[in-house]
Amino acid sequence: MILSTTPTIEGCTIREYKGVVTGETIIGANIVKDIFAGIRDIVGGRSGSYENVLREAKETSMREMMERAQAMGANAIVGIDIDYETIGETNSMVMVATSGTAVVI
Protein backbone atom coordinates (compact mmCIF):
# COMPACT_ATOMS: atom_id res chain seq x y z
CA MET A 1 0.00 0.00 0.00
CA ILE A 2 1.31 3.43 -0.97
CA LEU A 3 1.01 6.07 1.75
CA SER A 4 1.34 9.80 1.15
CA THR A 5 0.74 13.04 3.01
CA THR A 6 0.24 14.78 -0.34
CA PRO A 7 -3.12 14.80 -2.18
CA THR A 8 -1.64 13.01 -5.19
CA ILE A 9 1.11 10.53 -5.93
CA GLU A 10 3.58 11.69 -8.55
CA GLY A 11 3.43 9.60 -11.70
CA CYS A 12 0.18 7.88 -10.70
CA THR A 13 -3.38 8.61 -11.68
CA ILE A 14 -6.03 8.19 -9.04
CA ARG A 15 -8.64 6.02 -10.71
CA GLU A 16 -11.12 5.80 -7.86
CA TYR A 17 -11.76 7.49 -4.52
CA LYS A 18 -12.98 5.00 -1.92
CA GLY A 19 -13.51 7.41 0.97
CA VAL A 20 -12.02 8.70 4.20
CA VAL A 21 -10.23 6.21 6.42
CA THR A 22 -9.04 6.67 9.99
CA GLY A 23 -7.01 4.94 12.64
CA GLU A 24 -7.03 5.76 16.33
CA THR A 25 -4.78 4.57 19.14
CA ILE A 26 -4.71 5.49 22.80
CA ILE A 27 -1.71 4.35 24.82
CA GLY A 28 -1.04 4.99 28.48
CA ALA A 29 2.41 5.94 29.69
CA ASN A 30 3.12 4.16 32.95
CA ILE A 31 4.50 5.70 36.14
CA VAL A 32 8.04 4.34 35.63
CA LYS A 33 8.28 6.03 32.23
CA ASP A 34 6.88 9.23 33.81
CA ILE A 35 9.57 9.21 36.51
CA PHE A 36 12.43 8.66 34.06
CA ALA A 37 11.03 11.27 31.67
CA GLY A 38 10.84 13.73 34.57
CA ILE A 39 14.48 13.09 35.42
CA ARG A 40 15.47 13.60 31.78
CA ASP A 41 13.49 16.86 31.71
CA ILE A 42 15.53 18.11 34.69
CA VAL A 43 18.97 17.01 33.48
CA GLY A 44 18.30 17.39 29.76
CA GLY A 45 18.26 14.90 26.96
CA ARG A 46 15.62 13.01 25.07
CA SER A 47 13.04 10.74 26.63
CA GLY A 48 13.52 7.49 24.73
CA SER A 49 10.67 5.80 26.59
CA TYR A 50 8.16 8.43 25.49
CA GLU A 51 9.54 8.43 21.96
CA ASN A 52 8.97 4.67 21.82
CA VAL A 53 5.40 5.07 23.10
CA LEU A 54 4.67 7.71 20.45
CA ARG A 55 6.24 5.61 17.71
CA GLU A 56 4.25 2.53 18.74
CA ALA A 57 0.99 4.50 18.85
CA LYS A 58 1.62 6.04 15.42
CA GLU A 59 2.48 2.67 13.85
CA THR A 60 -0.63 1.05 15.34
CA SER A 61 -2.87 3.88 14.14
CA MET A 62 -1.36 3.79 10.64
CA ARG A 63 -1.74 -0.01 10.46
CA GLU A 64 -5.40 0.26 11.49
CA MET A 65 -6.01 2.91 8.82
CA MET A 66 -4.31 0.76 6.14
CA GLU A 67 -6.42 -2.27 7.11
CA ARG A 68 -9.59 -0.21 6.71
CA ALA A 69 -8.42 1.07 3.32
CA GLN A 70 -7.62 -2.47 2.12
CA ALA A 71 -11.07 -3.63 3.23
CA MET A 72 -12.54 -0.91 0.97
CA GLY A 73 -10.48 -2.18 -1.98
CA ALA A 74 -7.94 0.66 -1.97
CA ASN A 75 -4.25 0.28 -2.76
CA ALA A 76 -3.11 3.71 -1.57
CA ILE A 77 -3.96 6.42 0.95
CA VAL A 78 -3.39 10.09 0.11
CA GLY A 79 -3.64 13.26 2.17
CA ILE A 80 -2.60 11.52 5.39
CA ASP A 81 -2.73 13.61 8.55
CA ILE A 82 -1.32 12.48 11.90
CA ASP A 83 -2.50 14.14 15.12
CA TYR A 84 -1.09 13.65 18.61
CA GLU A 85 -2.98 14.57 21.77
CA THR A 86 -2.55 13.93 25.49
CA ILE A 87 -5.74 12.95 27.27
CA GLY A 88 -6.93 11.94 30.72
CA GLU A 89 -7.17 13.84 33.98
CA THR A 90 -3.40 13.87 34.42
CA ASN A 91 -2.55 13.82 30.69
CA SER A 92 -1.14 10.35 31.25
CA MET A 93 -2.43 8.92 27.99
CA VAL A 94 -1.44 9.67 24.42
CA MET A 95 -3.91 9.53 21.55
CA VAL A 96 -2.72 9.29 17.97
CA ALA A 97 -5.33 9.74 15.26
CA THR A 98 -4.53 9.28 11.57
CA SER A 99 -6.78 10.05 8.63
CA GLY A 100 -6.53 10.07 4.87
CA THR A 101 -8.38 9.28 1.67
CA ALA A 102 -8.38 5.68 0.45
CA VAL A 103 -7.86 5.51 -3.33
CA VAL A 104 -7.18 3.12 -6.17
CA ILE A 105 -4.24 4.06 -8.38
PDB file of N, CA and C in Angstrom:
ATOM      1  N   MET A   1       0.839  -1.172   0.000  1.00  0.00           N
ATOM      2  CA  MET A   1       0.000   0.000   0.000  1.00  0.00           C
ATOM      3  C   MET A   1       0.886   1.238   0.000  1.00  0.00           C
ATOM      4  N   ILE A   2       0.577   2.172  -0.892  1.00  0.00           N
ATOM      5  CA  ILE A   2       1.315   3.427  -0.965  1.00  0.00           C
ATOM      6  C   ILE A   2       0.662   4.423  -0.018  1.00  0.00           C
ATOM      7  N   LEU A   3       1.490   5.085   0.794  1.00  0.00           N
ATOM      8  CA  LEU A   3       1.007   6.073   1.750  1.00  0.00           C
ATOM      9  C   LEU A   3       1.636   7.419   1.430  1.00  0.00           C
ATOM     10  N   SER A   4       0.812   8.483   1.476  1.00  0.00           N
ATOM     11  CA  SER A   4       1.337   9.801   1.148  1.00  0.00           C
ATOM     12  C   SER A   4       0.600  10.886   1.922  1.00  0.00           C
ATOM     13  N   THR A   5       1.358  11.878   2.368  1.00  0.00           N
ATOM     14  CA  THR A   5       0.737  13.042   3.010  1.00  0.00           C
ATOM     15  C   THR A   5       0.259  14.054   1.973  1.00  0.00           C
ATOM     16  N   THR A   6       0.654  13.872   0.726  1.00  0.00           N
ATOM     17  CA  THR A   6       0.239  14.777  -0.342  1.00  0.00           C
ATOM     18  C   THR A   6      -1.087  14.306  -0.937  1.00  0.00           C
ATOM     19  N   PRO A   7      -1.815  15.195  -1.626  1.00  0.00           N
ATOM     20  CA  PRO A   7      -3.119  14.801  -2.175  1.00  0.00           C
ATOM     21  C   PRO A   7      -3.031  13.943  -3.431  1.00  0.00           C
ATOM     22  N   THR A   8      -1.852  13.835  -4.006  1.00  0.00           N
ATOM     23  CA  THR A   8      -1.643  13.012  -5.193  1.00  0.00           C
ATOM     24  C   THR A   8      -0.340  12.250  -5.033  1.00  0.00           C
ATOM     25  N   ILE A   9      -0.142  11.277  -5.917  1.00  0.00           N
ATOM     26  CA  ILE A   9       1.113  10.526  -5.928  1.00  0.00           C
ATOM     27  C   ILE A   9       1.735  10.753  -7.295  1.00  0.00           C
ATOM     28  N   GLU A  10       2.912  11.335  -7.304  1.00  0.00           N
ATOM     29  CA  GLU A  10       3.575  11.690  -8.554  1.00  0.00           C
ATOM     30  C   GLU A  10       3.711  10.473  -9.464  1.00  0.00           C
ATOM     31  N   GLY A  11       3.323  10.663 -10.708  1.00  0.00           N
ATOM     32  CA  GLY A  11       3.435   9.605 -11.700  1.00  0.00           C
ATOM     33  C   GLY A  11       2.282   8.621 -11.688  1.00  0.00           C
ATOM     34  N   CYS A  12       1.323   8.791 -10.793  1.00  0.00           N
ATOM     35  CA  CYS A  12       0.182   7.877 -10.697  1.00  0.00           C
ATOM     36  C   CYS A  12      -1.118   8.657 -10.874  1.00  0.00           C
ATOM     37  N   THR A  13      -2.047   8.037 -11.537  1.00  0.00           N
ATOM     38  CA  THR A  13      -3.380   8.614 -11.684  1.00  0.00           C
ATOM     39  C   THR A  13      -4.312   7.948 -10.697  1.00  0.00           C
ATOM     40  N   ILE A  14      -5.035   8.752  -9.945  1.00  0.00           N
ATOM     41  CA  ILE A  14      -6.028   8.194  -9.036  1.00  0.00           C
ATOM     42  C   ILE A  14      -7.240   7.815  -9.871  1.00  0.00           C
ATOM     43  N   ARG A  15      -7.538   6.527  -9.892  1.00  0.00           N
ATOM     44  CA  ARG A  15      -8.643   6.016 -10.712  1.00  0.00           C
ATOM     45  C   ARG A  15      -9.970   6.006  -9.963  1.00  0.00           C
ATOM     46  N   GLU A  16      -9.883   5.875  -8.636  1.00  0.00           N
ATOM     47  CA  GLU A  16     -11.121   5.796  -7.860  1.00  0.00           C
ATOM     48  C   GLU A  16     -10.873   6.266  -6.431  1.00  0.00           C
ATOM     49  N   TYR A  17     -11.789   7.058  -5.911  1.00  0.00           N
ATOM     50  CA  TYR A  17     -11.759   7.493  -4.517  1.00  0.00           C
ATOM     51  C   TYR A  17     -12.700   6.595  -3.731  1.00  0.00           C
ATOM     52  N   LYS A  18     -12.181   5.932  -2.716  1.00  0.00           N
ATOM     53  CA  LYS A  18     -12.983   5.004  -1.920  1.00  0.00           C
ATOM     54  C   LYS A  18     -13.601   5.666  -0.689  1.00  0.00           C
ATOM     55  N   GLY A  19     -12.977   6.709  -0.188  1.00  0.00           N
ATOM     56  CA  GLY A  19     -13.514   7.410   0.974  1.00  0.00           C
ATOM     57  C   GLY A  19     -12.466   7.661   2.043  1.00  0.00           C
ATOM     58  N   VAL A  20     -12.901   8.353   3.087  1.00  0.00           N
ATOM     59  CA  VAL A  20     -12.023   8.696   4.204  1.00  0.00           C
ATOM     60  C   VAL A  20     -11.806   7.470   5.076  1.00  0.00           C
ATOM     61  N   VAL A  21     -10.569   7.282   5.485  1.00  0.00           N
ATOM     62  CA  VAL A  21     -10.228   6.207   6.421  1.00  0.00           C
ATOM     63  C   VAL A  21      -9.499   6.808   7.616  1.00  0.00           C
ATOM     64  N   THR A  22      -9.672   6.173   8.770  1.00  0.00           N
ATOM     65  CA  THR A  22      -9.043   6.671   9.990  1.00  0.00           C
ATOM     66  C   THR A  22      -8.442   5.520  10.783  1.00  0.00           C
ATOM     67  N   GLY A  23      -7.576   5.880  11.675  1.00  0.00           N
ATOM     68  CA  GLY A  23      -7.010   4.945  12.642  1.00  0.00           C
ATOM     69  C   GLY A  23      -6.819   5.710  13.938  1.00  0.00           C
ATOM     70  N   GLU A  24      -7.163   5.104  15.042  1.00  0.00           N
ATOM     71  CA  GLU A  24      -7.031   5.759  16.335  1.00  0.00           C
ATOM     72  C   GLU A  24      -6.360   4.815  17.317  1.00  0.00           C
ATOM     73  N   THR A  25      -5.469   5.364  18.116  1.00  0.00           N
ATOM     74  CA  THR A  25      -4.783   4.570  19.139  1.00  0.00           C
ATOM     75  C   THR A  25      -4.633   5.414  20.388  1.00  0.00           C
ATOM     76  N   ILE A  26      -4.941   4.826  21.519  1.00  0.00           N
ATOM     77  CA  ILE A  26      -4.713   5.487  22.801  1.00  0.00           C
ATOM     78  C   ILE A  26      -3.810   4.577  23.614  1.00  0.00           C
ATOM     79  N   ILE A  27      -2.685   5.129  24.055  1.00  0.00           N
ATOM     80  CA  ILE A  27      -1.710   4.349  24.820  1.00  0.00           C
ATOM     81  C   ILE A  27      -1.386   5.106  26.098  1.00  0.00           C
ATOM     82  N   GLY A  28      -1.394   4.389  27.203  1.00  0.00           N
ATOM     83  CA  GLY A  28      -1.035   4.988  28.482  1.00  0.00           C
ATOM     84  C   GLY A  28       0.457   4.891  28.711  1.00  0.00           C
ATOM     85  N   ALA A  29       0.999   5.940  29.307  1.00  0.00           N
ATOM     86  CA  ALA A  29       2.414   5.938  29.685  1.00  0.00           C
ATOM     87  C   ALA A  29       2.472   5.641  31.179  1.00  0.00           C
ATOM     88  N   ASN A  30       3.147   4.572  31.547  1.00  0.00           N
ATOM     89  CA  ASN A  30       3.116   4.165  32.953  1.00  0.00           C
ATOM     90  C   ASN A  30       3.986   5.039  33.845  1.00  0.00           C
ATOM     91  N   ILE A  31       3.833   4.862  35.140  1.00  0.00           N
ATOM     92  CA  ILE A  31       4.498   5.699  36.137  1.00  0.00           C
ATOM     93  C   ILE A  31       6.018   5.625  36.047  1.00  0.00           C
ATOM     94  N   VAL A  32       6.579   4.456  35.730  1.00  0.00           N
ATOM     95  CA  VAL A  32       8.036   4.335  35.627  1.00  0.00           C
ATOM     96  C   VAL A  32       8.549   5.221  34.493  1.00  0.00           C
ATOM     97  N   LYS A  33       7.876   5.179  33.347  1.00  0.00           N
ATOM     98  CA  LYS A  33       8.276   6.031  32.233  1.00  0.00           C
ATOM     99  C   LYS A  33       8.145   7.499  32.612  1.00  0.00           C
ATOM    100  N   ASP A  34       7.088   7.848  33.370  1.00  0.00           N
ATOM    101  CA  ASP A  34       6.881   9.231  33.806  1.00  0.00           C
ATOM    102  C   ASP A  34       8.039   9.704  34.677  1.00  0.00           C
ATOM    103  N   ILE A  35       8.471   8.843  35.601  1.00  0.00           N
ATOM    104  CA  ILE A  35       9.571   9.214  36.507  1.00  0.00           C
ATOM    105  C   ILE A  35      10.856   9.444  35.721  1.00  0.00           C
ATOM    106  N   PHE A  36      11.201   8.511  34.830  1.00  0.00           N
ATOM    107  CA  PHE A  36      12.432   8.660  34.060  1.00  0.00           C
ATOM    108  C   PHE A  36      12.353   9.850  33.110  1.00  0.00           C
ATOM    109  N   ALA A  37      11.188  10.109  32.549  1.00  0.00           N
ATOM    110  CA  ALA A  37      11.030  11.269  31.669  1.00  0.00           C
ATOM    111  C   ALA A  37      11.202  12.547  32.471  1.00  0.00           C
ATOM    112  N   GLY A  38      10.678  12.563  33.710  1.00  0.00           N
ATOM    113  CA  GLY A  38      10.837  13.731  34.571  1.00  0.00           C
ATOM    114  C   GLY A  38      12.296  13.997  34.889  1.00  0.00           C
ATOM    115  N   ILE A  39      13.043  12.950  35.152  1.00  0.00           N
ATOM    116  CA  ILE A  39      14.479  13.092  35.418  1.00  0.00           C
ATOM    117  C   ILE A  39      15.185  13.642  34.184  1.00  0.00           C
ATOM    118  N   ARG A  40      14.856  13.120  33.021  1.00  0.00           N
ATOM    119  CA  ARG A  40      15.470  13.602  31.782  1.00  0.00           C
ATOM    120  C   ARG A  40      15.135  15.069  31.548  1.00  0.00           C
ATOM    121  N   ASP A  41      13.884  15.461  31.876  1.00  0.00           N
ATOM    122  CA  ASP A  41      13.492  16.857  31.705  1.00  0.00           C
ATOM    123  C   ASP A  41      14.353  17.774  32.573  1.00  0.00           C
ATOM    124  N   ILE A  42      14.717  17.301  33.767  1.00  0.00           N
ATOM    125  CA  ILE A  42      15.527  18.106  34.685  1.00  0.00           C
ATOM    126  C   ILE A  42      16.974  18.177  34.214  1.00  0.00           C
ATOM    127  N   VAL A  43      17.554  17.055  33.839  1.00  0.00           N
ATOM    128  CA  VAL A  43      18.972  17.014  33.481  1.00  0.00           C
ATOM    129  C   VAL A  43      19.213  17.194  31.985  1.00  0.00           C
ATOM    130  N   GLY A  44      18.159  17.219  31.206  1.00  0.00           N
ATOM    131  CA  GLY A  44      18.303  17.391  29.763  1.00  0.00           C
ATOM    132  C   GLY A  44      18.360  16.057  29.045  1.00  0.00           C
ATOM    133  N   GLY A  45      18.220  16.117  27.753  1.00  0.00           N
ATOM    134  CA  GLY A  45      18.262  14.898  26.956  1.00  0.00           C
ATOM    135  C   GLY A  45      16.893  14.508  26.470  1.00  0.00           C
ATOM    136  N   ARG A  46      16.874  13.498  25.662  1.00  0.00           N
ATOM    137  CA  ARG A  46      15.622  13.013  25.073  1.00  0.00           C
ATOM    138  C   ARG A  46      15.042  11.914  25.925  1.00  0.00           C
ATOM    139  N   SER A  47      13.726  11.801  25.895  1.00  0.00           N
ATOM    140  CA  SER A  47      13.042  10.740  26.626  1.00  0.00           C
ATOM    141  C   SER A  47      12.749   9.591  25.670  1.00  0.00           C
ATOM    142  N   GLY A  48      13.659   8.633  25.630  1.00  0.00           N
ATOM    143  CA  GLY A  48      13.517   7.493  24.733  1.00  0.00           C
ATOM    144  C   GLY A  48      12.265   6.691  25.003  1.00  0.00           C
ATOM    145  N   SER A  49      11.862   6.580  26.274  1.00  0.00           N
ATOM    146  CA  SER A  49      10.671   5.800  26.589  1.00  0.00           C
ATOM    147  C   SER A  49       9.429   6.442  25.989  1.00  0.00           C
ATOM    148  N   TYR A  50       9.309   7.753  26.090  1.00  0.00           N
ATOM    149  CA  TYR A  50       8.158   8.427  25.493  1.00  0.00           C
ATOM    150  C   TYR A  50       8.222   8.390  23.971  1.00  0.00           C
ATOM    151  N   GLU A  51       9.405   8.513  23.413  1.00  0.00           N
ATOM    152  CA  GLU A  51       9.541   8.427  21.959  1.00  0.00           C
ATOM    153  C   GLU A  51       9.070   7.066  21.468  1.00  0.00           C
ATOM    154  N   ASN A  52       9.412   6.018  22.197  1.00  0.00           N
ATOM    155  CA  ASN A  52       8.970   4.673  21.817  1.00  0.00           C
ATOM    156  C   ASN A  52       7.461   4.530  21.910  1.00  0.00           C
ATOM    157  N   VAL A  53       6.851   5.115  22.947  1.00  0.00           N
ATOM    158  CA  VAL A  53       5.395   5.069  23.100  1.00  0.00           C
ATOM    159  C   VAL A  53       4.732   5.786  21.933  1.00  0.00           C
ATOM    160  N   LEU A  54       5.233   6.958  21.576  1.00  0.00           N
ATOM    161  CA  LEU A  54       4.668   7.705  20.450  1.00  0.00           C
ATOM    162  C   LEU A  54       4.825   6.950  19.141  1.00  0.00           C
ATOM    163  N   ARG A  55       5.990   6.370  18.929  1.00  0.00           N
ATOM    164  CA  ARG A  55       6.241   5.609  17.707  1.00  0.00           C
ATOM    165  C   ARG A  55       5.294   4.403  17.612  1.00  0.00           C
ATOM    166  N   GLU A  56       5.133   3.693  18.708  1.00  0.00           N
ATOM    167  CA  GLU A  56       4.246   2.530  18.739  1.00  0.00           C
ATOM    168  C   GLU A  56       2.797   2.939  18.455  1.00  0.00           C
ATOM    169  N   ALA A  57       2.366   4.029  19.062  1.00  0.00           N
ATOM    170  CA  ALA A  57       0.994   4.504  18.848  1.00  0.00           C
ATOM    171  C   ALA A  57       0.777   4.925  17.400  1.00  0.00           C
ATOM    172  N   LYS A  58       1.751   5.604  16.816  1.00  0.00           N
ATOM    173  CA  LYS A  58       1.623   6.037  15.418  1.00  0.00           C
ATOM    174  C   LYS A  58       1.576   4.831  14.486  1.00  0.00           C
ATOM    175  N   GLU A  59       2.453   3.866  14.700  1.00  0.00           N
ATOM    176  CA  GLU A  59       2.480   2.673  13.847  1.00  0.00           C
ATOM    177  C   GLU A  59       1.181   1.877  13.954  1.00  0.00           C
ATOM    178  N   THR A  60       0.626   1.768  15.149  1.00  0.00           N
ATOM    179  CA  THR A  60      -0.630   1.047  15.342  1.00  0.00           C
ATOM    180  C   THR A  60      -1.772   1.771  14.636  1.00  0.00           C
ATOM    181  N   SER A  61      -1.819   3.081  14.785  1.00  0.00           N
ATOM    182  CA  SER A  61      -2.866   3.881  14.143  1.00  0.00           C
ATOM    183  C   SER A  61      -2.767   3.811  12.620  1.00  0.00           C
ATOM    184  N   MET A  62      -1.560   3.884  12.091  1.00  0.00           N
ATOM    185  CA  MET A  62      -1.358   3.792  10.636  1.00  0.00           C
ATOM    186  C   MET A  62      -1.766   2.410  10.125  1.00  0.00           C
ATOM    187  N   ARG A  63      -1.392   1.357  10.852  1.00  0.00           N
ATOM    188  CA  ARG A  63      -1.743  -0.007  10.456  1.00  0.00           C
ATOM    189  C   ARG A  63      -3.261  -0.184  10.423  1.00  0.00           C
ATOM    190  N   GLU A  64      -3.941   0.340  11.431  1.00  0.00           N
ATOM    191  CA  GLU A  64      -5.404   0.259  11.487  1.00  0.00           C
ATOM    192  C   GLU A  64      -6.032   0.982  10.295  1.00  0.00           C
ATOM    193  N   MET A  65      -5.502   2.150   9.962  1.00  0.00           N
ATOM    194  CA  MET A  65      -6.008   2.911   8.818  1.00  0.00           C
ATOM    195  C   MET A  65      -5.779   2.143   7.516  1.00  0.00           C
ATOM    196  N   MET A  66      -4.598   1.538   7.353  1.00  0.00           N
ATOM    197  CA  MET A  66      -4.313   0.757   6.144  1.00  0.00           C
ATOM    198  C   MET A  66      -5.240  -0.444   6.021  1.00  0.00           C
ATOM    199  N   GLU A  67      -5.509  -1.121   7.134  1.00  0.00           N
ATOM    200  CA  GLU A  67      -6.416  -2.269   7.107  1.00  0.00           C
ATOM    201  C   GLU A  67      -7.812  -1.853   6.652  1.00  0.00           C
ATOM    202  N   ARG A  68      -8.268  -0.701   7.118  1.00  0.00           N
ATOM    203  CA  ARG A  68      -9.586  -0.207   6.708  1.00  0.00           C
ATOM    204  C   ARG A  68      -9.604   0.139   5.223  1.00  0.00           C
ATOM    205  N   ALA A  69      -8.508   0.729   4.742  1.00  0.00           N
ATOM    206  CA  ALA A  69      -8.423   1.073   3.318  1.00  0.00           C
ATOM    207  C   ALA A  69      -8.423  -0.191   2.458  1.00  0.00           C
ATOM    208  N   GLN A  70      -7.663  -1.205   2.871  1.00  0.00           N
ATOM    209  CA  GLN A  70      -7.624  -2.467   2.124  1.00  0.00           C
ATOM    210  C   GLN A  70      -8.996  -3.121   2.086  1.00  0.00           C
ATOM    211  N   ALA A  71      -9.733  -3.044   3.189  1.00  0.00           N
ATOM    212  CA  ALA A  71     -11.070  -3.627   3.235  1.00  0.00           C
ATOM    213  C   ALA A  71     -12.026  -2.922   2.266  1.00  0.00           C
ATOM    214  N   MET A  72     -11.723  -1.666   1.927  1.00  0.00           N
ATOM    215  CA  MET A  72     -12.535  -0.910   0.974  1.00  0.00           C
ATOM    216  C   MET A  72     -12.092  -1.161  -0.469  1.00  0.00           C
ATOM    217  N   GLY A  73     -10.996  -1.901  -0.642  1.00  0.00           N
ATOM    218  CA  GLY A  73     -10.478  -2.179  -1.977  1.00  0.00           C
ATOM    219  C   GLY A  73      -9.466  -1.168  -2.472  1.00  0.00           C
ATOM    220  N   ALA A  74      -8.933  -0.356  -1.584  1.00  0.00           N
ATOM    221  CA  ALA A  74      -7.942   0.665  -1.969  1.00  0.00           C
ATOM    222  C   ALA A  74      -6.540   0.065  -1.978  1.00  0.00           C
ATOM    223  N   ASN A  75      -5.652   0.695  -2.766  1.00  0.00           N
ATOM    224  CA  ASN A  75      -4.249   0.277  -2.759  1.00  0.00           C
ATOM    225  C   ASN A  75      -3.310   1.435  -2.416  1.00  0.00           C
ATOM    226  N   ALA A  76      -3.906   2.552  -1.989  1.00  0.00           N
ATOM    227  CA  ALA A  76      -3.115   3.710  -1.572  1.00  0.00           C
ATOM    228  C   ALA A  76      -3.974   4.591  -0.666  1.00  0.00           C
ATOM    229  N   ILE A  77      -3.288   5.412   0.134  1.00  0.00           N
ATOM    230  CA  ILE A  77      -3.959   6.422   0.950  1.00  0.00           C
ATOM    231  C   ILE A  77      -3.231   7.734   0.717  1.00  0.00           C
ATOM    232  N   VAL A  78      -3.982   8.766   0.353  1.00  0.00           N
ATOM    233  CA  VAL A  78      -3.394  10.090   0.112  1.00  0.00           C
ATOM    234  C   VAL A  78      -3.923  11.081   1.144  1.00  0.00           C
ATOM    235  N   GLY A  79      -3.220  12.199   1.264  1.00  0.00           N
ATOM    236  CA  GLY A  79      -3.645  13.261   2.172  1.00  0.00           C
ATOM    237  C   GLY A  79      -3.620  12.854   3.632  1.00  0.00           C
ATOM    238  N   ILE A  80      -2.661  12.035   4.008  1.00  0.00           N
ATOM    239  CA  ILE A  80      -2.600  11.523   5.385  1.00  0.00           C
ATOM    240  C   ILE A  80      -2.248  12.649   6.357  1.00  0.00           C
ATOM    241  N   ASP A  81      -2.980  12.670   7.462  1.00  0.00           N
ATOM    242  CA  ASP A  81      -2.733  13.610   8.553  1.00  0.00           C
ATOM    243  C   ASP A  81      -2.555  12.798   9.830  1.00  0.00           C
ATOM    244  N   ILE A  82      -1.574  13.167  10.637  1.00  0.00           N
ATOM    245  CA  ILE A  82      -1.321  12.484  11.903  1.00  0.00           C
ATOM    246  C   ILE A  82      -1.432  13.516  13.019  1.00  0.00           C
ATOM    247  N   ASP A  83      -2.307  13.241  13.982  1.00  0.00           N
ATOM    248  CA  ASP A  83      -2.502  14.143  15.118  1.00  0.00           C
ATOM    249  C   ASP A  83      -2.149  13.431  16.409  1.00  0.00           C
ATOM    250  N   TYR A  84      -1.460  14.159  17.302  1.00  0.00           N
ATOM    251  CA  TYR A  84      -1.086  13.651  18.612  1.00  0.00           C
ATOM    252  C   TYR A  84      -1.785  14.503  19.671  1.00  0.00           C
ATOM    253  N   GLU A  85      -2.281  13.851  20.708  1.00  0.00           N
ATOM    254  CA  GLU A  85      -2.978  14.575  21.773  1.00  0.00           C
ATOM    255  C   GLU A  85      -2.793  13.831  23.082  1.00  0.00           C
ATOM    256  N   THR A  86      -2.561  14.571  24.175  1.00  0.00           N
ATOM    257  CA  THR A  86      -2.554  13.934  25.489  1.00  0.00           C
ATOM    258  C   THR A  86      -3.962  14.037  26.047  1.00  0.00           C
ATOM    259  N   ILE A  87      -4.392  12.977  26.717  1.00  0.00           N
ATOM    260  CA  ILE A  87      -5.739  12.949  27.271  1.00  0.00           C
ATOM    261  C   ILE A  87      -5.711  12.353  28.669  1.00  0.00           C
ATOM    262  N   GLY A  88      -6.819  12.451  29.355  1.00  0.00           N
ATOM    263  CA  GLY A  88      -6.927  11.939  30.716  1.00  0.00           C
ATOM    264  C   GLY A  88      -6.770  13.065  31.718  1.00  0.00           C
ATOM    265  N   GLU A  89      -7.224  12.817  32.933  1.00  0.00           N
ATOM    266  CA  GLU A  89      -7.169  13.845  33.975  1.00  0.00           C
ATOM    267  C   GLU A  89      -5.759  14.351  34.231  1.00  0.00           C
ATOM    268  N   THR A  90      -4.791  13.469  34.158  1.00  0.00           N
ATOM    269  CA  THR A  90      -3.402  13.871  34.420  1.00  0.00           C
ATOM    270  C   THR A  90      -2.565  13.865  33.146  1.00  0.00           C
ATOM    271  N   ASN A  91      -3.246  13.873  31.993  1.00  0.00           N
ATOM    272  CA  ASN A  91      -2.551  13.819  30.694  1.00  0.00           C
ATOM    273  C   ASN A  91      -1.602  12.632  30.620  1.00  0.00           C
ATOM    274  N   SER A  92      -2.013  11.513  31.193  1.00  0.00           N
ATOM    275  CA  SER A  92      -1.141  10.346  31.248  1.00  0.00           C
ATOM    276  C   SER A  92      -1.330   9.403  30.069  1.00  0.00           C
ATOM    277  N   MET A  93      -2.210   9.770  29.157  1.00  0.00           N
ATOM    278  CA  MET A  93      -2.433   8.924  27.992  1.00  0.00           C
ATOM    279  C   MET A  93      -2.172   9.738  26.729  1.00  0.00           C
ATOM    280  N   VAL A  94      -1.717   9.037  25.701  1.00  0.00           N
ATOM    281  CA  VAL A  94      -1.436   9.669  24.418  1.00  0.00           C
ATOM    282  C   VAL A  94      -2.385   9.087  23.384  1.00  0.00           C
ATOM    283  N   MET A  95      -3.043   9.971  22.636  1.00  0.00           N
ATOM    284  CA  MET A  95      -3.906   9.530  21.553  1.00  0.00           C
ATOM    285  C   MET A  95      -3.263   9.944  20.230  1.00  0.00           C
ATOM    286  N   VAL A  96      -3.188   9.006  19.329  1.00  0.00           N
ATOM    287  CA  VAL A  96      -2.721   9.288  17.970  1.00  0.00           C
ATOM    288  C   VAL A  96      -3.861   8.951  17.020  1.00  0.00           C
ATOM    289  N   ALA A  97      -4.259   9.943  16.244  1.00  0.00           N
ATOM    290  CA  ALA A  97      -5.327   9.740  15.258  1.00  0.00           C
ATOM    291  C   ALA A  97      -4.755  10.017  13.870  1.00  0.00           C
ATOM    292  N   THR A  98      -4.974   9.095  12.953  1.00  0.00           N
ATOM    293  CA  THR A  98      -4.533   9.277  11.570  1.00  0.00           C
ATOM    294  C   THR A  98      -5.765   9.276  10.685  1.00  0.00           C
ATOM    295  N   SER A  99      -5.680  10.040   9.606  1.00  0.00           N
ATOM    296  CA  SER A  99      -6.775  10.050   8.634  1.00  0.00           C
ATOM    297  C   SER A  99      -6.211  10.306   7.253  1.00  0.00           C
ATOM    298  N   GLY A 100      -6.947   9.874   6.254  1.00  0.00           N
ATOM    299  CA  GLY A 100      -6.533  10.067   4.871  1.00  0.00           C
ATOM    300  C   GLY A 100      -7.649   9.619   3.952  1.00  0.00           C
ATOM    301  N   THR A 101      -7.399   9.694   2.671  1.00  0.00           N
ATOM    302  CA  THR A 101      -8.381   9.279   1.667  1.00  0.00           C
ATOM    303  C   THR A 101      -7.888   8.003   0.999  1.00  0.00           C
ATOM    304  N   ALA A 102      -8.705   6.963   1.083  1.00  0.00           N
ATOM    305  CA  ALA A 102      -8.382   5.681   0.453  1.00  0.00           C
ATOM    306  C   ALA A 102      -8.685   5.789  -1.044  1.00  0.00           C
ATOM    307  N   VAL A 103      -7.716   5.397  -1.871  1.00  0.00           N
ATOM    308  CA  VAL A 103      -7.858   5.511  -3.328  1.00  0.00           C
ATOM    309  C   VAL A 103      -7.345   4.261  -4.023  1.00  0.00           C
ATOM    310  N   VAL A 104      -7.722   4.159  -5.291  1.00  0.00           N
ATOM    311  CA  VAL A 104      -7.176   3.124  -6.174  1.00  0.00           C
ATOM    312  C   VAL A 104      -6.360   3.845  -7.224  1.00  0.00           C
ATOM    313  N   ILE A 105      -5.101   3.449  -7.353  1.00  0.00           N
ATOM    314  CA  ILE A 105      -4.238   4.065  -8.378  1.00  0.00           C
ATOM    315  C   ILE A 105      -3.892   3.038  -9.443  1.00  0.00           C
TER     316      ILE A 105
END
